[in-house]
Amino acid sequence: PTQKLIRDGFVVFDNVLSPEDVSAVRASAEKLLADGRMRHLGQDGRDDHIVALAPGALQHDTEQYGSLVLAARVLMSLPSMLVQQGKQEGADSDAQAKFESCAAPAKLMLARYPADAGRYVPHLDNDPDDPNHAVGPVGLRAVDRQYTAIIYLNDGWQSDDGGHLRLHRSPAGESAAVIVVDESAAVDIGDAGSSSDGSYEDIEPRGGRL
């Protein structure tokens, strides 16, 4: 997996959560939304409601939102997996150094997009031109981000539901550089997959997919 991550800039794993776990985690997420715990940031170009969650705190609130721990455990295990897999698969020194600099974040973000016309415009999760690139607590700043990991909680998702994750490659076809999440149904079924010129890749947001 790390060789594909180095080569393509992304890697996809299916069934990291079972359908039953997806339903349980989604139910906890929907309760957070219903309880008013998620909020819209009011930023131009993004329509999601989000909440930052401390994984340790979730274990003490199992009655209300505890199923979220199932997804949190997977996400929090990824940095150590990258380090170990990089060593086993013989990643080059630059890639291995990047893997070894990864650490599990103090908080995870849960995001919910509306069914109609929700979107997140093209952006970098670690954008050096962002004036707030190095603002905030160490470990939670944009500059501290090495990789972005997403687990989808969509029950019964179908292609015409939209919401594909579009990964834009650099002009030279190097690692994925810009990410856009289109949560509307604007991505046609025929657009799923790679562009004809290889400039982007669309990832279907199927439940349980990382």
N, C-alpha and C. Protein backbone atom coordinates (compact mmCIF):
# COMPACT_ATOMS: atom_id res chain seq x y z
N PRO A 1 0.80 -1.22 0.00
CA PRO A 1 0.00 0.00 0.00
C PRO A 1 0.84 1.27 0.00
N THR A 2 1.97 1.27 0.71
CA THR A 2 2.78 2.49 0.76
C THR A 2 3.42 2.78 -0.59
N GLN A 3 3.78 1.75 -1.35
CA GLN A 3 4.35 1.98 -2.67
C GLN A 3 3.32 2.65 -3.58
N LYS A 4 2.06 2.21 -3.49
CA LYS A 4 1.00 2.84 -4.29
C LYS A 4 0.77 4.28 -3.81
N LEU A 5 0.85 4.50 -2.51
CA LEU A 5 0.69 5.85 -1.98
C LEU A 5 1.79 6.77 -2.50
N ILE A 6 3.01 6.25 -2.55
CA ILE A 6 4.14 7.04 -3.06
C ILE A 6 3.96 7.30 -4.55
N ARG A 7 3.57 6.27 -5.29
CA ARG A 7 3.47 6.38 -6.75
C ARG A 7 2.29 7.24 -7.19
N ASP A 8 1.11 6.98 -6.60
CA ASP A 8 -0.12 7.61 -7.08
C ASP A 8 -0.58 8.80 -6.22
N GLY A 9 -0.08 8.89 -5.01
CA GLY A 9 -0.51 9.96 -4.12
C GLY A 9 -1.74 9.61 -3.31
N PHE A 10 -2.32 8.45 -3.53
CA PHE A 10 -3.48 8.01 -2.75
C PHE A 10 -3.58 6.49 -2.81
N VAL A 11 -4.33 5.92 -1.88
CA VAL A 11 -4.60 4.49 -1.88
C VAL A 11 -5.98 4.29 -1.30
N VAL A 12 -6.72 3.29 -1.80
CA VAL A 12 -8.09 3.03 -1.37
C VAL A 12 -8.17 1.64 -0.76
N PHE A 13 -8.80 1.56 0.42
CA PHE A 13 -9.07 0.28 1.07
C PHE A 13 -10.58 0.16 1.24
N ASP A 14 -11.14 -0.97 0.85
CA ASP A 14 -12.56 -1.20 1.05
C ASP A 14 -12.79 -2.09 2.27
N ASN A 15 -14.00 -1.93 2.84
CA ASN A 15 -14.45 -2.77 3.96
C ASN A 15 -13.57 -2.66 5.20
N VAL A 16 -13.03 -1.47 5.45
CA VAL A 16 -12.31 -1.28 6.72
C VAL A 16 -13.31 -1.27 7.87
N LEU A 17 -14.57 -0.96 7.57
CA LEU A 17 -15.68 -1.14 8.51
C LEU A 17 -16.71 -2.03 7.83
N SER A 18 -17.29 -2.96 8.57
CA SER A 18 -18.34 -3.82 8.03
C SER A 18 -19.60 -2.99 7.82
N PRO A 19 -20.53 -3.48 7.01
CA PRO A 19 -21.80 -2.75 6.84
C PRO A 19 -22.51 -2.48 8.16
N GLU A 20 -22.42 -3.44 9.08
CA GLU A 20 -23.05 -3.26 10.39
C GLU A 20 -22.36 -2.15 11.17
N ASP A 21 -21.03 -2.10 11.10
CA ASP A 21 -20.29 -1.04 11.80
C ASP A 21 -20.55 0.32 11.16
N VAL A 22 -20.64 0.35 9.83
CA VAL A 22 -20.95 1.61 9.15
C VAL A 22 -22.28 2.17 9.66
N SER A 23 -23.28 1.31 9.75
CA SER A 23 -24.60 1.75 10.22
C SER A 23 -24.53 2.25 11.64
N ALA A 24 -23.77 1.56 12.50
CA ALA A 24 -23.66 1.97 13.90
C ALA A 24 -22.94 3.31 14.04
N VAL A 25 -21.83 3.47 13.31
CA VAL A 25 -21.08 4.72 13.38
C VAL A 25 -21.92 5.86 12.81
N ARG A 26 -22.61 5.60 11.73
CA ARG A 26 -23.45 6.64 11.12
C ARG A 26 -24.55 7.07 12.09
N ALA A 27 -25.13 6.12 12.80
CA ALA A 27 -26.19 6.46 13.76
C ALA A 27 -25.65 7.39 14.85
N SER A 28 -24.44 7.13 15.33
CA SER A 28 -23.83 8.01 16.32
C SER A 28 -23.57 9.39 15.72
N ALA A 29 -23.11 9.41 14.47
CA ALA A 29 -22.84 10.68 13.80
C ALA A 29 -24.12 11.49 13.62
N GLU A 30 -25.19 10.82 13.24
CA GLU A 30 -26.46 11.52 13.05
C GLU A 30 -27.01 12.05 14.37
N LYS A 31 -26.73 11.34 15.47
CA LYS A 31 -27.17 11.83 16.78
C LYS A 31 -26.39 13.09 17.17
N LEU A 32 -25.11 13.12 16.84
CA LEU A 32 -24.32 14.33 17.08
C LEU A 32 -24.93 15.53 16.34
N LEU A 33 -25.33 15.30 15.09
CA LEU A 33 -25.94 16.37 14.31
C LEU A 33 -27.26 16.80 14.93
N ALA A 34 -28.10 15.82 15.29
CA ALA A 34 -29.41 16.12 15.86
C ALA A 34 -29.28 16.85 17.20
N ASP A 35 -28.23 16.57 17.94
CA ASP A 35 -28.01 17.20 19.25
C ASP A 35 -27.36 18.58 19.14
N GLY A 36 -27.13 19.03 17.90
CA GLY A 36 -26.57 20.35 17.72
C GLY A 36 -25.09 20.45 17.96
N ARG A 37 -24.39 19.32 17.93
CA ARG A 37 -22.96 19.31 18.21
C ARG A 37 -22.12 19.66 16.98
N MET A 38 -22.72 19.56 15.79
CA MET A 38 -22.00 19.85 14.55
C MET A 38 -22.39 21.25 14.06
N ARG A 39 -21.42 21.96 13.45
CA ARG A 39 -21.72 23.32 13.03
C ARG A 39 -21.14 23.61 11.66
N HIS A 40 -21.76 24.57 10.99
CA HIS A 40 -21.29 25.04 9.70
C HIS A 40 -20.31 26.18 9.94
N LEU A 41 -19.13 26.11 9.34
CA LEU A 41 -18.10 27.11 9.59
C LEU A 41 -18.34 28.43 8.87
N GLY A 42 -19.21 28.41 7.88
CA GLY A 42 -19.47 29.63 7.13
C GLY A 42 -18.37 30.01 6.16
N GLN A 43 -17.52 29.05 5.81
CA GLN A 43 -16.44 29.33 4.87
C GLN A 43 -16.96 29.23 3.44
N ASP A 44 -16.52 30.17 2.61
CA ASP A 44 -16.90 30.13 1.20
C ASP A 44 -16.37 28.84 0.57
N GLY A 45 -17.24 28.18 -0.20
CA GLY A 45 -16.80 27.03 -0.96
C GLY A 45 -16.95 25.70 -0.27
N ARG A 46 -17.45 25.70 0.97
CA ARG A 46 -17.68 24.41 1.63
C ARG A 46 -19.02 24.47 2.36
N ASP A 47 -19.78 23.39 2.25
CA ASP A 47 -21.14 23.35 2.77
C ASP A 47 -21.33 22.33 3.89
N ASP A 48 -20.23 21.80 4.41
CA ASP A 48 -20.36 20.74 5.41
C ASP A 48 -20.59 21.30 6.81
N HIS A 49 -21.18 20.46 7.64
CA HIS A 49 -21.25 20.68 9.08
C HIS A 49 -20.22 19.75 9.71
N ILE A 50 -19.45 20.27 10.65
CA ILE A 50 -18.35 19.48 11.21
C ILE A 50 -18.34 19.54 12.73
N VAL A 51 -17.61 18.61 13.31
CA VAL A 51 -17.29 18.64 14.73
C VAL A 51 -15.93 17.98 14.90
N ALA A 52 -15.10 18.51 15.79
CA ALA A 52 -13.80 17.92 16.12
C ALA A 52 -13.98 17.02 17.34
N LEU A 53 -13.49 15.81 17.24
CA LEU A 53 -13.70 14.81 18.29
C LEU A 53 -12.37 14.30 18.81
N ALA A 54 -12.22 14.28 20.12
CA ALA A 54 -11.05 13.67 20.75
C ALA A 54 -11.33 12.18 20.91
N PRO A 55 -10.57 11.31 20.26
CA PRO A 55 -10.87 9.87 20.29
C PRO A 55 -10.97 9.31 21.71
N GLY A 56 -10.11 9.79 22.61
CA GLY A 56 -10.15 9.28 23.98
C GLY A 56 -11.46 9.58 24.67
N ALA A 57 -12.03 10.75 24.40
CA ALA A 57 -13.29 11.14 25.04
C ALA A 57 -14.45 10.28 24.56
N LEU A 58 -14.38 9.77 23.33
CA LEU A 58 -15.47 8.97 22.80
C LEU A 58 -15.68 7.70 23.62
N GLN A 59 -14.59 7.15 24.14
CA GLN A 59 -14.69 5.91 24.90
C GLN A 59 -15.43 6.09 26.22
N HIS A 60 -15.54 7.35 26.67
CA HIS A 60 -16.23 7.62 27.92
C HIS A 60 -17.67 8.07 27.68
N ASP A 61 -18.11 8.05 26.45
CA ASP A 61 -19.45 8.49 26.10
C ASP A 61 -20.11 7.45 25.21
N THR A 62 -19.92 6.18 25.58
CA THR A 62 -20.35 5.09 24.70
C THR A 62 -21.86 5.03 24.53
N GLU A 63 -22.59 5.49 25.53
CA GLU A 63 -24.05 5.39 25.44
C GLU A 63 -24.61 6.25 24.32
N GLN A 64 -24.06 7.46 24.14
CA GLN A 64 -24.60 8.37 23.14
C GLN A 64 -23.90 8.27 21.79
N TYR A 65 -22.57 8.34 21.80
CA TYR A 65 -21.84 8.45 20.54
C TYR A 65 -20.73 7.40 20.41
N GLY A 66 -20.78 6.39 21.22
CA GLY A 66 -19.65 5.46 21.34
C GLY A 66 -19.29 4.70 20.09
N SER A 67 -20.25 4.50 19.18
CA SER A 67 -19.93 3.74 17.98
C SER A 67 -18.90 4.44 17.11
N LEU A 68 -18.72 5.75 17.30
CA LEU A 68 -17.70 6.48 16.54
C LEU A 68 -16.30 5.95 16.83
N VAL A 69 -16.14 5.29 17.97
CA VAL A 69 -14.83 4.71 18.32
C VAL A 69 -14.39 3.70 17.26
N LEU A 70 -15.35 3.01 16.64
CA LEU A 70 -15.01 1.99 15.64
C LEU A 70 -14.25 2.61 14.48
N ALA A 71 -14.66 3.80 14.05
CA ALA A 71 -13.96 4.49 12.97
C ALA A 71 -12.69 5.16 13.49
N ALA A 72 -12.76 5.71 14.69
CA ALA A 72 -11.60 6.41 15.26
C ALA A 72 -10.41 5.47 15.42
N ARG A 73 -10.65 4.26 15.83
CA ARG A 73 -9.55 3.29 16.03
C ARG A 73 -8.81 3.04 14.72
N VAL A 74 -9.56 2.90 13.64
CA VAL A 74 -8.93 2.66 12.34
C VAL A 74 -8.06 3.85 11.96
N LEU A 75 -8.62 5.05 12.06
CA LEU A 75 -7.88 6.24 11.65
C LEU A 75 -6.65 6.48 12.51
N MET A 76 -6.77 6.24 13.81
CA MET A 76 -5.64 6.50 14.71
C MET A 76 -4.52 5.49 14.55
N SER A 77 -4.83 4.34 13.94
CA SER A 77 -3.79 3.31 13.74
C SER A 77 -2.98 3.53 12.47
N LEU A 78 -3.41 4.46 11.62
CA LEU A 78 -2.77 4.61 10.31
C LEU A 78 -1.33 5.10 10.37
N PRO A 79 -0.97 6.08 11.21
CA PRO A 79 0.42 6.54 11.21
C PRO A 79 1.43 5.42 11.49
N SER A 80 1.15 4.59 12.49
CA SER A 80 2.09 3.50 12.78
C SER A 80 2.12 2.48 11.65
N MET A 81 0.98 2.28 10.98
CA MET A 81 0.95 1.37 9.84
C MET A 81 1.83 1.89 8.71
N LEU A 82 1.79 3.20 8.47
CA LEU A 82 2.62 3.78 7.42
C LEU A 82 4.10 3.59 7.72
N VAL A 83 4.48 3.79 8.96
CA VAL A 83 5.88 3.63 9.34
C VAL A 83 6.32 2.18 9.11
N GLN A 84 5.52 1.23 9.60
CA GLN A 84 5.90 -0.18 9.50
C GLN A 84 5.88 -0.67 8.06
N GLN A 85 4.82 -0.31 7.32
CA GLN A 85 4.72 -0.76 5.94
C GLN A 85 5.81 -0.14 5.09
N GLY A 86 6.15 1.11 5.36
CA GLY A 86 7.22 1.76 4.61
C GLY A 86 8.53 1.03 4.77
N LYS A 87 8.82 0.56 5.97
CA LYS A 87 10.05 -0.20 6.22
C LYS A 87 10.01 -1.56 5.53
N GLN A 88 8.87 -2.24 5.63
CA GLN A 88 8.76 -3.58 5.07
C GLN A 88 8.80 -3.57 3.55
N GLU A 89 8.23 -2.51 2.95
CA GLU A 89 8.15 -2.47 1.50
C GLU A 89 9.34 -1.73 0.88
N GLY A 90 10.29 -1.33 1.70
CA GLY A 90 11.51 -0.72 1.17
C GLY A 90 11.29 0.64 0.56
N ALA A 91 10.50 1.49 1.22
CA ALA A 91 10.30 2.85 0.72
C ALA A 91 11.63 3.59 0.71
N ASP A 92 11.81 4.49 -0.25
CA ASP A 92 13.07 5.23 -0.30
C ASP A 92 13.18 6.15 0.92
N SER A 93 14.35 6.70 1.12
CA SER A 93 14.62 7.45 2.36
C SER A 93 13.72 8.67 2.52
N ASP A 94 13.44 9.36 1.42
CA ASP A 94 12.58 10.55 1.51
C ASP A 94 11.17 10.16 1.91
N ALA A 95 10.64 9.11 1.28
CA ALA A 95 9.28 8.67 1.61
C ALA A 95 9.22 8.14 3.03
N GLN A 96 10.24 7.37 3.43
CA GLN A 96 10.25 6.81 4.77
C GLN A 96 10.31 7.91 5.82
N ALA A 97 11.08 8.97 5.54
CA ALA A 97 11.16 10.09 6.48
C ALA A 97 9.80 10.76 6.62
N LYS A 98 9.07 10.85 5.52
CA LYS A 98 7.73 11.44 5.58
C LYS A 98 6.79 10.56 6.38
N PHE A 99 6.87 9.25 6.16
CA PHE A 99 6.04 8.33 6.94
C PHE A 99 6.36 8.45 8.42
N GLU A 100 7.65 8.48 8.75
CA GLU A 100 8.05 8.49 10.15
C GLU A 100 7.68 9.78 10.87
N SER A 101 7.43 10.84 10.10
CA SER A 101 7.02 12.10 10.72
C SER A 101 5.53 12.12 11.03
N CYS A 102 4.80 11.09 10.59
CA CYS A 102 3.36 11.05 10.85
C CYS A 102 3.08 10.70 12.30
N ALA A 103 2.07 11.33 12.85
CA ALA A 103 1.62 11.03 14.20
C ALA A 103 0.10 11.17 14.23
N ALA A 104 -0.52 10.37 15.06
CA ALA A 104 -1.98 10.45 15.18
C ALA A 104 -2.37 11.81 15.74
N PRO A 105 -3.36 12.46 15.17
CA PRO A 105 -3.76 13.79 15.64
C PRO A 105 -4.49 13.71 16.98
N ALA A 106 -4.53 14.83 17.66
CA ALA A 106 -5.24 14.89 18.94
C ALA A 106 -6.74 14.81 18.73
N LYS A 107 -7.21 15.27 17.57
CA LYS A 107 -8.64 15.26 17.30
C LYS A 107 -8.89 14.82 15.87
N LEU A 108 -10.05 14.22 15.66
CA LEU A 108 -10.50 13.82 14.34
C LEU A 108 -11.69 14.68 13.95
N MET A 109 -11.91 14.86 12.66
CA MET A 109 -13.03 15.67 12.19
C MET A 109 -14.11 14.77 11.61
N LEU A 110 -15.34 15.01 12.04
CA LEU A 110 -16.50 14.37 11.46
C LEU A 110 -17.21 15.42 10.63
N ALA A 111 -17.50 15.10 9.37
CA ALA A 111 -18.13 16.06 8.47
C ALA A 111 -19.37 15.44 7.84
N ARG A 112 -20.39 16.27 7.69
CA ARG A 112 -21.64 15.84 7.06
C ARG A 112 -22.01 16.85 5.99
N TYR A 113 -22.22 16.36 4.75
CA TYR A 113 -22.59 17.21 3.63
C TYR A 113 -24.08 17.04 3.33
N PRO A 114 -24.78 18.14 2.99
CA PRO A 114 -26.19 18.03 2.64
C PRO A 114 -26.37 17.25 1.35
N ALA A 115 -27.55 16.67 1.20
CA ALA A 115 -27.80 15.83 0.03
C ALA A 115 -27.89 16.62 -1.26
N ASP A 116 -28.32 17.88 -1.17
CA ASP A 116 -28.54 18.68 -2.38
C ASP A 116 -27.47 19.76 -2.52
N ALA A 117 -26.63 19.61 -3.54
CA ALA A 117 -25.68 20.66 -3.95
C ALA A 117 -24.62 20.97 -2.92
N GLY A 118 -24.38 20.09 -1.97
CA GLY A 118 -23.27 20.31 -1.05
C GLY A 118 -21.96 20.12 -1.76
N ARG A 119 -20.93 20.92 -1.38
CA ARG A 119 -19.64 20.75 -2.05
C ARG A 119 -18.53 21.33 -1.19
N TYR A 120 -17.33 20.96 -1.58
CA TYR A 120 -16.10 21.53 -1.02
C TYR A 120 -15.23 21.82 -2.23
N VAL A 121 -14.91 23.09 -2.47
CA VAL A 121 -14.19 23.47 -3.67
C VAL A 121 -12.77 22.92 -3.64
N PRO A 122 -12.07 22.89 -4.79
CA PRO A 122 -10.69 22.38 -4.82
C PRO A 122 -9.81 23.10 -3.81
N HIS A 123 -9.01 22.32 -3.08
CA HIS A 123 -8.17 22.90 -2.03
C HIS A 123 -7.05 21.94 -1.69
N LEU A 124 -6.06 22.47 -1.01
CA LEU A 124 -4.98 21.68 -0.44
C LEU A 124 -5.20 21.58 1.06
N ASP A 125 -5.06 20.39 1.63
CA ASP A 125 -5.16 20.27 3.08
C ASP A 125 -3.91 20.80 3.78
N ASN A 126 -2.83 20.93 3.05
CA ASN A 126 -1.59 21.51 3.59
C ASN A 126 -1.09 22.49 2.54
N ASP A 127 -1.63 23.71 2.59
CA ASP A 127 -1.38 24.71 1.55
C ASP A 127 -0.40 25.77 2.07
N PRO A 128 0.83 25.79 1.57
CA PRO A 128 1.81 26.76 2.06
C PRO A 128 1.43 28.21 1.78
N ASP A 129 0.51 28.44 0.84
CA ASP A 129 0.08 29.80 0.54
C ASP A 129 -1.07 30.28 1.44
N ASP A 130 -1.57 29.38 2.27
CA ASP A 130 -2.64 29.75 3.21
C ASP A 130 -2.04 30.61 4.32
N PRO A 131 -2.57 31.82 4.57
CA PRO A 131 -2.00 32.66 5.62
C PRO A 131 -2.11 32.04 7.01
N ASN A 132 -3.02 31.08 7.18
CA ASN A 132 -3.17 30.41 8.47
C ASN A 132 -2.46 29.06 8.51
N HIS A 133 -1.52 28.87 7.59
CA HIS A 133 -0.84 27.59 7.42
C HIS A 133 -0.19 27.09 8.71
N ALA A 134 0.40 28.00 9.48
CA ALA A 134 1.12 27.62 10.70
C ALA A 134 0.46 28.19 11.95
N VAL A 135 -0.84 28.48 11.87
CA VAL A 135 -1.57 29.05 13.00
C VAL A 135 -2.26 27.94 13.78
N GLY A 136 -2.22 28.05 15.11
CA GLY A 136 -2.92 27.09 15.96
C GLY A 136 -1.98 26.22 16.75
N PRO A 137 -2.54 25.31 17.57
CA PRO A 137 -1.71 24.42 18.39
C PRO A 137 -0.88 23.47 17.52
N VAL A 138 0.32 23.20 17.94
CA VAL A 138 1.17 22.25 17.22
C VAL A 138 0.46 20.89 17.16
N GLY A 139 0.45 20.32 15.98
CA GLY A 139 -0.24 19.05 15.77
C GLY A 139 -1.61 19.22 15.15
N LEU A 140 -2.16 20.43 15.24
CA LEU A 140 -3.47 20.69 14.66
C LEU A 140 -3.40 21.74 13.55
N ARG A 141 -2.20 22.20 13.23
CA ARG A 141 -2.03 23.21 12.18
C ARG A 141 -2.00 22.54 10.80
N ALA A 142 -2.34 23.31 9.77
CA ALA A 142 -2.27 22.77 8.42
C ALA A 142 -0.85 22.31 8.08
N VAL A 143 0.15 23.04 8.57
CA VAL A 143 1.54 22.71 8.27
C VAL A 143 1.94 21.35 8.84
N ASP A 144 1.22 20.87 9.83
CA ASP A 144 1.56 19.60 10.45
C ASP A 144 0.99 18.40 9.70
N ARG A 145 0.18 18.63 8.70
CA ARG A 145 -0.50 17.54 8.00
C ARG A 145 0.42 16.89 6.97
N GLN A 146 0.51 15.57 7.02
CA GLN A 146 1.26 14.82 6.02
C GLN A 146 0.33 14.11 5.05
N TYR A 147 -0.67 13.42 5.60
CA TYR A 147 -1.63 12.69 4.78
C TYR A 147 -3.03 12.96 5.30
N THR A 148 -4.00 12.84 4.41
CA THR A 148 -5.40 12.95 4.79
C THR A 148 -6.04 11.57 4.66
N ALA A 149 -6.76 11.15 5.69
CA ALA A 149 -7.44 9.86 5.67
C ALA A 149 -8.93 10.09 5.89
N ILE A 150 -9.75 9.43 5.09
CA ILE A 150 -11.20 9.59 5.15
C ILE A 150 -11.85 8.21 5.22
N ILE A 151 -12.78 8.03 6.14
CA ILE A 151 -13.64 6.84 6.14
C ILE A 151 -15.05 7.30 5.82
N TYR A 152 -15.66 6.67 4.83
CA TYR A 152 -17.01 7.04 4.43
C TYR A 152 -18.06 6.24 5.20
N LEU A 153 -19.16 6.91 5.55
CA LEU A 153 -20.22 6.31 6.35
C LEU A 153 -21.54 6.31 5.59
N ASN A 154 -21.46 6.21 4.27
CA ASN A 154 -22.67 6.29 3.44
C ASN A 154 -23.32 4.92 3.31
N ASP A 155 -24.50 4.76 3.90
CA ASP A 155 -25.26 3.51 3.78
C ASP A 155 -25.94 3.45 2.43
N GLY A 156 -25.79 2.33 1.73
CA GLY A 156 -26.52 2.11 0.49
C GLY A 156 -26.22 3.12 -0.60
N TRP A 157 -24.98 3.63 -0.64
CA TRP A 157 -24.62 4.63 -1.64
C TRP A 157 -24.68 4.05 -3.05
N GLN A 158 -25.18 4.85 -4.02
CA GLN A 158 -25.19 4.48 -5.43
C GLN A 158 -24.55 5.59 -6.24
N SER A 159 -24.05 5.25 -7.42
CA SER A 159 -23.25 6.19 -8.20
C SER A 159 -23.97 7.51 -8.48
N ASP A 160 -25.28 7.46 -8.74
CA ASP A 160 -25.97 8.70 -9.07
C ASP A 160 -26.28 9.55 -7.83
N ASP A 161 -25.87 9.09 -6.65
CA ASP A 161 -26.01 9.91 -5.44
C ASP A 161 -24.99 11.04 -5.42
N GLY A 162 -23.91 10.92 -6.20
CA GLY A 162 -22.86 11.94 -6.18
C GLY A 162 -21.98 11.80 -4.95
N GLY A 163 -21.23 12.89 -4.67
CA GLY A 163 -20.37 12.89 -3.51
C GLY A 163 -19.00 12.28 -3.74
N HIS A 164 -18.60 12.10 -5.00
CA HIS A 164 -17.29 11.56 -5.30
C HIS A 164 -16.18 12.48 -4.77
N LEU A 165 -15.10 11.89 -4.38
CA LEU A 165 -13.90 12.64 -4.01
C LEU A 165 -13.02 12.76 -5.25
N ARG A 166 -12.78 13.97 -5.72
CA ARG A 166 -11.97 14.16 -6.92
C ARG A 166 -10.55 14.55 -6.52
N LEU A 167 -9.60 13.72 -6.90
CA LEU A 167 -8.19 13.96 -6.63
C LEU A 167 -7.53 14.46 -7.90
N HIS A 168 -7.03 15.68 -7.87
CA HIS A 168 -6.38 16.27 -9.04
C HIS A 168 -4.88 16.05 -8.97
N ARG A 169 -4.32 15.51 -10.02
CA ARG A 169 -2.88 15.29 -10.06
C ARG A 169 -2.17 16.55 -10.52
N SER A 170 -0.89 16.63 -10.21
CA SER A 170 -0.09 17.74 -10.71
C SER A 170 0.05 17.59 -12.21
N PRO A 171 0.42 18.66 -12.92
CA PRO A 171 0.53 18.59 -14.39
C PRO A 171 1.44 17.48 -14.88
N ALA A 172 2.45 17.15 -14.09
CA ALA A 172 3.38 16.11 -14.52
C ALA A 172 2.90 14.71 -14.17
N GLY A 173 1.69 14.61 -13.59
CA GLY A 173 1.15 13.30 -13.24
C GLY A 173 1.77 12.75 -11.98
N GLU A 174 2.24 13.63 -11.09
CA GLU A 174 2.85 13.17 -9.86
C GLU A 174 1.77 12.91 -8.82
N SER A 175 2.15 12.92 -7.54
CA SER A 175 1.21 12.60 -6.48
C SER A 175 0.03 13.56 -6.50
N ALA A 176 -1.12 13.06 -5.99
CA ALA A 176 -2.30 13.90 -5.91
C ALA A 176 -2.00 15.16 -5.13
N ALA A 177 -2.42 16.31 -5.67
CA ALA A 177 -2.03 17.57 -5.05
C ALA A 177 -3.21 18.39 -4.58
N VAL A 178 -4.31 18.34 -5.28
CA VAL A 178 -5.47 19.15 -4.94
C VAL A 178 -6.68 18.25 -4.78
N ILE A 179 -7.50 18.53 -3.77
CA ILE A 179 -8.64 17.68 -3.49
C ILE A 179 -9.92 18.49 -3.59
N VAL A 180 -10.91 17.94 -4.27
CA VAL A 180 -12.24 18.55 -4.23
C VAL A 180 -13.24 17.46 -3.87
N VAL A 181 -14.11 17.76 -2.94
CA VAL A 181 -15.20 16.87 -2.60
C VAL A 181 -16.48 17.45 -3.19
N ASP A 182 -17.11 16.72 -4.10
CA ASP A 182 -18.37 17.16 -4.67
C ASP A 182 -19.47 16.30 -4.06
N GLU A 183 -20.20 16.85 -3.10
CA GLU A 183 -21.22 16.08 -2.40
C GLU A 183 -22.60 16.24 -3.03
N SER A 184 -22.69 16.89 -4.17
CA SER A 184 -23.96 16.96 -4.88
C SER A 184 -24.04 15.78 -5.83
N ALA A 185 -25.11 15.72 -6.60
CA ALA A 185 -25.24 14.67 -7.61
C ALA A 185 -24.69 15.14 -8.95
N ALA A 186 -23.82 16.15 -8.92
CA ALA A 186 -23.35 16.75 -10.16
C ALA A 186 -22.33 15.89 -10.89
N VAL A 187 -21.71 14.95 -10.20
CA VAL A 187 -20.76 14.07 -10.87
C VAL A 187 -21.54 12.96 -11.56
N ASP A 188 -21.54 12.97 -12.88
CA ASP A 188 -22.27 11.97 -13.62
C ASP A 188 -21.67 10.59 -13.40
N ILE A 189 -22.48 9.57 -13.58
CA ILE A 189 -21.99 8.20 -13.42
C ILE A 189 -20.80 7.96 -14.35
N GLY A 190 -20.88 8.52 -15.55
CA GLY A 190 -19.81 8.31 -16.51
C GLY A 190 -18.51 9.00 -16.13
N ASP A 191 -18.57 9.93 -15.14
CA ASP A 191 -17.37 10.64 -14.72
C ASP A 191 -16.60 9.89 -13.65
N ALA A 192 -17.22 8.85 -13.08
CA ALA A 192 -16.53 8.11 -12.03
C ALA A 192 -15.32 7.41 -12.62
N GLY A 193 -14.22 7.40 -11.88
CA GLY A 193 -12.98 6.81 -12.36
C GLY A 193 -12.02 7.88 -12.82
N SER A 194 -11.08 7.51 -13.67
CA SER A 194 -10.04 8.44 -14.10
C SER A 194 -10.51 9.28 -15.28
N SER A 195 -9.95 10.50 -15.36
CA SER A 195 -10.18 11.34 -16.53
C SER A 195 -9.40 10.75 -17.71
N SER A 196 -9.81 11.11 -18.91
CA SER A 196 -9.16 10.54 -20.09
C SER A 196 -7.69 10.95 -20.18
N ASP A 197 -7.35 12.11 -19.64
CA ASP A 197 -5.96 12.56 -19.70
C ASP A 197 -5.19 12.27 -18.42
N GLY A 198 -5.84 11.58 -17.47
CA GLY A 198 -5.15 11.22 -16.24
C GLY A 198 -4.95 12.37 -15.28
N SER A 199 -5.64 13.49 -15.50
CA SER A 199 -5.42 14.66 -14.65
C SER A 199 -6.13 14.57 -13.31
N TYR A 200 -7.12 13.69 -13.21
CA TYR A 200 -7.80 13.52 -11.93
C TYR A 200 -8.34 12.11 -11.81
N GLU A 201 -8.69 11.76 -10.60
CA GLU A 201 -9.29 10.47 -10.30
C GLU A 201 -10.49 10.72 -9.38
N ASP A 202 -11.63 10.10 -9.68
CA ASP A 202 -12.81 10.22 -8.84
C ASP A 202 -12.94 8.96 -7.99
N ILE A 203 -13.09 9.15 -6.69
CA ILE A 203 -13.23 8.05 -5.75
C ILE A 203 -14.67 8.01 -5.25
N GLU A 204 -15.32 6.86 -5.40
CA GLU A 204 -16.71 6.72 -4.94
C GLU A 204 -16.75 6.62 -3.43
N PRO A 205 -17.63 7.37 -2.77
CA PRO A 205 -17.68 7.39 -1.31
C PRO A 205 -18.53 6.25 -0.73
N ARG A 206 -18.13 5.05 -0.98
CA ARG A 206 -18.89 3.88 -0.53
C ARG A 206 -18.68 3.66 0.96
N GLY A 207 -19.74 3.25 1.64
CA GLY A 207 -19.64 3.01 3.08
C GLY A 207 -18.58 1.99 3.43
N GLY A 208 -17.78 2.29 4.46
CA GLY A 208 -16.72 1.39 4.89
C GLY A 208 -15.44 1.54 4.13
N ARG A 209 -15.40 2.44 3.14
CA ARG A 209 -14.20 2.66 2.34
C ARG A 209 -13.29 3.70 3.00
N LEU A 210 -11.99 3.41 3.00
CA LEU A 210 -10.97 4.33 3.51
C LEU A 210 -10.18 4.86 2.33
